[in-house]
C-alpha atoms as a PDB file:
ATOM      1  CA  UNK A   1     108.447  78.047 125.722  1.00  0.00           C
ATOM      2  CA  UNK A   2     106.563  75.538 127.827  1.00  0.00           C
ATOM      3  CA  UNK A   3     107.063  77.317 131.146  1.00  0.00           C
ATOM      4  CA  UNK A   4     104.129  79.094 132.717  1.00  0.00           C
ATOM      5  CA  UNK A   5     105.290  82.490 134.073  1.00  0.00           C
ATOM      6  CA  UNK A   6     102.311  82.603 136.469  1.00  0.00           C
ATOM      7  CA  UNK A   7     103.467  79.552 138.447  1.00  0.00           C
ATOM      8  CA  UNK A   8     106.032  81.662 140.264  1.00  0.00           C
ATOM      9  CA  UNK A   9     103.691  84.592 140.889  1.00  0.00           C
ATOM     10  CA  UNK A  10     100.901  83.380 143.150  1.00  0.00           C
ATOM     11  CA  UNK A  11      99.524  86.865 143.829  1.00  0.00           C
ATOM     12  CA  UNK A  12      99.117  87.592 140.135  1.00  0.00           C
ATOM     13  CA  UNK A  13      97.485  84.221 139.556  1.00  0.00           C
ATOM     14  CA  UNK A  14      94.997  84.787 142.382  1.00  0.00           C
ATOM     15  CA  UNK A  15      94.054  88.221 141.033  1.00  0.00           C
ATOM     16  CA  UNK A  16      93.564  86.875 137.530  1.00  0.00           C
ATOM     17  CA  UNK A  17      91.402  84.031 138.799  1.00  0.00           C
ATOM     18  CA  UNK A  18      89.077  86.544 140.478  1.00  0.00           C
ATOM     19  CA  UNK A  19      87.957  88.005 137.157  1.00  0.00           C
ATOM     20  CA  UNK A  20      85.403  86.357 134.963  1.00  0.00           C
ATOM     21  CA  UNK A  21      84.958  87.502 131.381  1.00  0.00           C
ATOM     22  CA  UNK A  22      81.696  86.902 129.568  1.00  0.00           C
ATOM     23  CA  UNK A  23      82.089  86.967 125.802  1.00  0.00           C
ATOM     24  CA  UNK A  24      78.946  87.972 123.892  1.00  0.00           C
ATOM     25  CA  UNK A  25      78.024  85.813 120.933  1.00  0.00           C
ATOM     26  CA  UNK A  26      78.245  87.542 117.583  1.00  0.00           C
ATOM     27  CA  UNK A  27      76.825  86.294 114.337  1.00  0.00           C
ATOM     28  CA  UNK A  28      79.742  85.232 112.151  1.00  0.00           C
ATOM     29  CA  UNK A  29      77.712  84.597 109.014  1.00  0.00           C
ATOM     30  CA  UNK A  30      77.116  87.744 106.999  1.00  0.00           C
ATOM     31  CA  UNK A  31      73.962  88.396 105.038  1.00  0.00           C
ATOM     32  CA  UNK A  32      73.564  88.933 101.336  1.00  0.00           C
ATOM     33  CA  UNK A  33      73.485  92.698 101.683  1.00  0.00           C
ATOM     34  CA  UNK A  34      76.745  92.766 103.674  1.00  0.00           C
ATOM     35  CA  UNK A  35      78.467  90.499 101.131  1.00  0.00           C
ATOM     36  CA  UNK A  36      77.249  92.733  98.284  1.00  0.00           C
ATOM     37  CA  UNK A  37      78.529  95.874 100.016  1.00  0.00           C
ATOM     38  CA  UNK A  38      81.872  94.164 100.682  1.00  0.00           C
ATOM     39  CA  UNK A  39      82.047  93.210  96.986  1.00  0.00           C
ATOM     40  CA  UNK A  40      81.475  96.835  95.971  1.00  0.00           C
ATOM     41  CA  UNK A  41      84.101  98.295  98.294  1.00  0.00           C
ATOM     42  CA  UNK A  42      86.770  95.620  97.885  1.00  0.00           C
ATOM     43  CA  UNK A  43      89.860  96.704  95.954  1.00  0.00           C
ATOM     44  CA  UNK A  44      90.262  95.438  92.423  1.00  0.00           C
ATOM     45  CA  UNK A  45      93.340  94.358  90.542  1.00  0.00           C
ATOM     46  CA  UNK A  46      94.595  96.874  88.005  1.00  0.00           C
ATOM     47  CA  UNK A  47      94.838  95.106  84.606  1.00  0.00           C
ATOM     48  CA  UNK A  48      97.564  97.500  83.455  1.00  0.00           C
ATOM     49  CA  UNK A  49      99.936  96.727  86.345  1.00  0.00           C
ATOM     50  CA  UNK A  50     101.800  94.152  84.275  1.00  0.00           C
ATOM     51  CA  UNK A  51     102.438  96.800  81.594  1.00  0.00           C
ATOM     52  CA  UNK A  52     103.809  99.312  84.087  1.00  0.00           C
ATOM     53  CA  UNK A  53     106.818  97.169  85.005  1.00  0.00           C
ATOM     54  CA  UNK A  54     108.972  98.170  82.034  1.00  0.00           C
ATOM     55  CA  UNK A  55     109.480 101.469  80.244  1.00  0.00           C
ATOM     56  CA  UNK A  56     108.841  99.950  76.830  1.00  0.00           C
ATOM     57  CA  UNK A  57     105.468  98.581  77.829  1.00  0.00           C
ATOM     58  CA  UNK A  58     104.559 101.839  79.549  1.00  0.00           C
ATOM     59  CA  UNK A  59     105.343 103.703  76.326  1.00  0.00           C
ATOM     60  CA  UNK A  60     103.142 101.272  74.380  1.00  0.00           C
ATOM     61  CA  UNK A  61     100.250 101.900  76.754  1.00  0.00           C
ATOM     62  CA  UNK A  62     100.575 105.640  76.102  1.00  0.00           C
ATOM     63  CA  UNK A  63     101.163 105.529  72.321  1.00  0.00           C
ATOM     64  CA  UNK A  64      98.783 102.795  71.140  1.00  0.00           C
ATOM     65  CA  UNK A  65      95.566 104.756  71.927  1.00  0.00           C
ATOM     66  CA  UNK A  66      96.929 107.793  70.056  1.00  0.00           C
ATOM     67  CA  UNK A  67      97.831 105.693  66.999  1.00  0.00           C
ATOM     68  CA  UNK A  68      94.440 103.968  67.017  1.00  0.00           C
ATOM     69  CA  UNK A  69      92.657 107.336  67.258  1.00  0.00           C
ATOM     70  CA  UNK A  70      94.643 108.711  64.317  1.00  0.00           C
ATOM     71  CA  UNK A  71      93.905 105.580  62.279  1.00  0.00           C
ATOM     72  CA  UNK A  72      90.172 105.811  62.962  1.00  0.00           C
ATOM     73  CA  UNK A  73      90.223 109.511  62.008  1.00  0.00           C
ATOM     74  CA  UNK A  74      91.890 108.763  58.655  1.00  0.00           C
ATOM     75  CA  UNK A  75      89.410 105.967  57.935  1.00  0.00           C
ATOM     76  CA  UNK A  76      86.522 108.341  58.595  1.00  0.00           C
ATOM     77  CA  UNK A  77      88.067 111.049  56.397  1.00  0.00           C
ATOM     78  CA  UNK A  78      88.574 108.588  53.546  1.00  0.00           C
ATOM     79  CA  UNK A  79      84.990 107.362  53.866  1.00  0.00           C
ATOM     80  CA  UNK A  80      83.647 110.870  53.155  1.00  0.00           C
END
């Protein structure tokens, strides 16, 4: 699309040429505090997302902590 649509419309081109826009300069570099705040509020990757893809892995994520808790309880009861 190399055609300029304003070549045909002289009135529109004249009106647009009348306006002058002054862009203020903004600091692009952020400070340490802003980078730290951005680090705190940035979303993190969930480490369990890869386990949630299949039903078998999801079941393992639910059952393994229960089995480990029961095992630790038996070890403590045997130690008494």
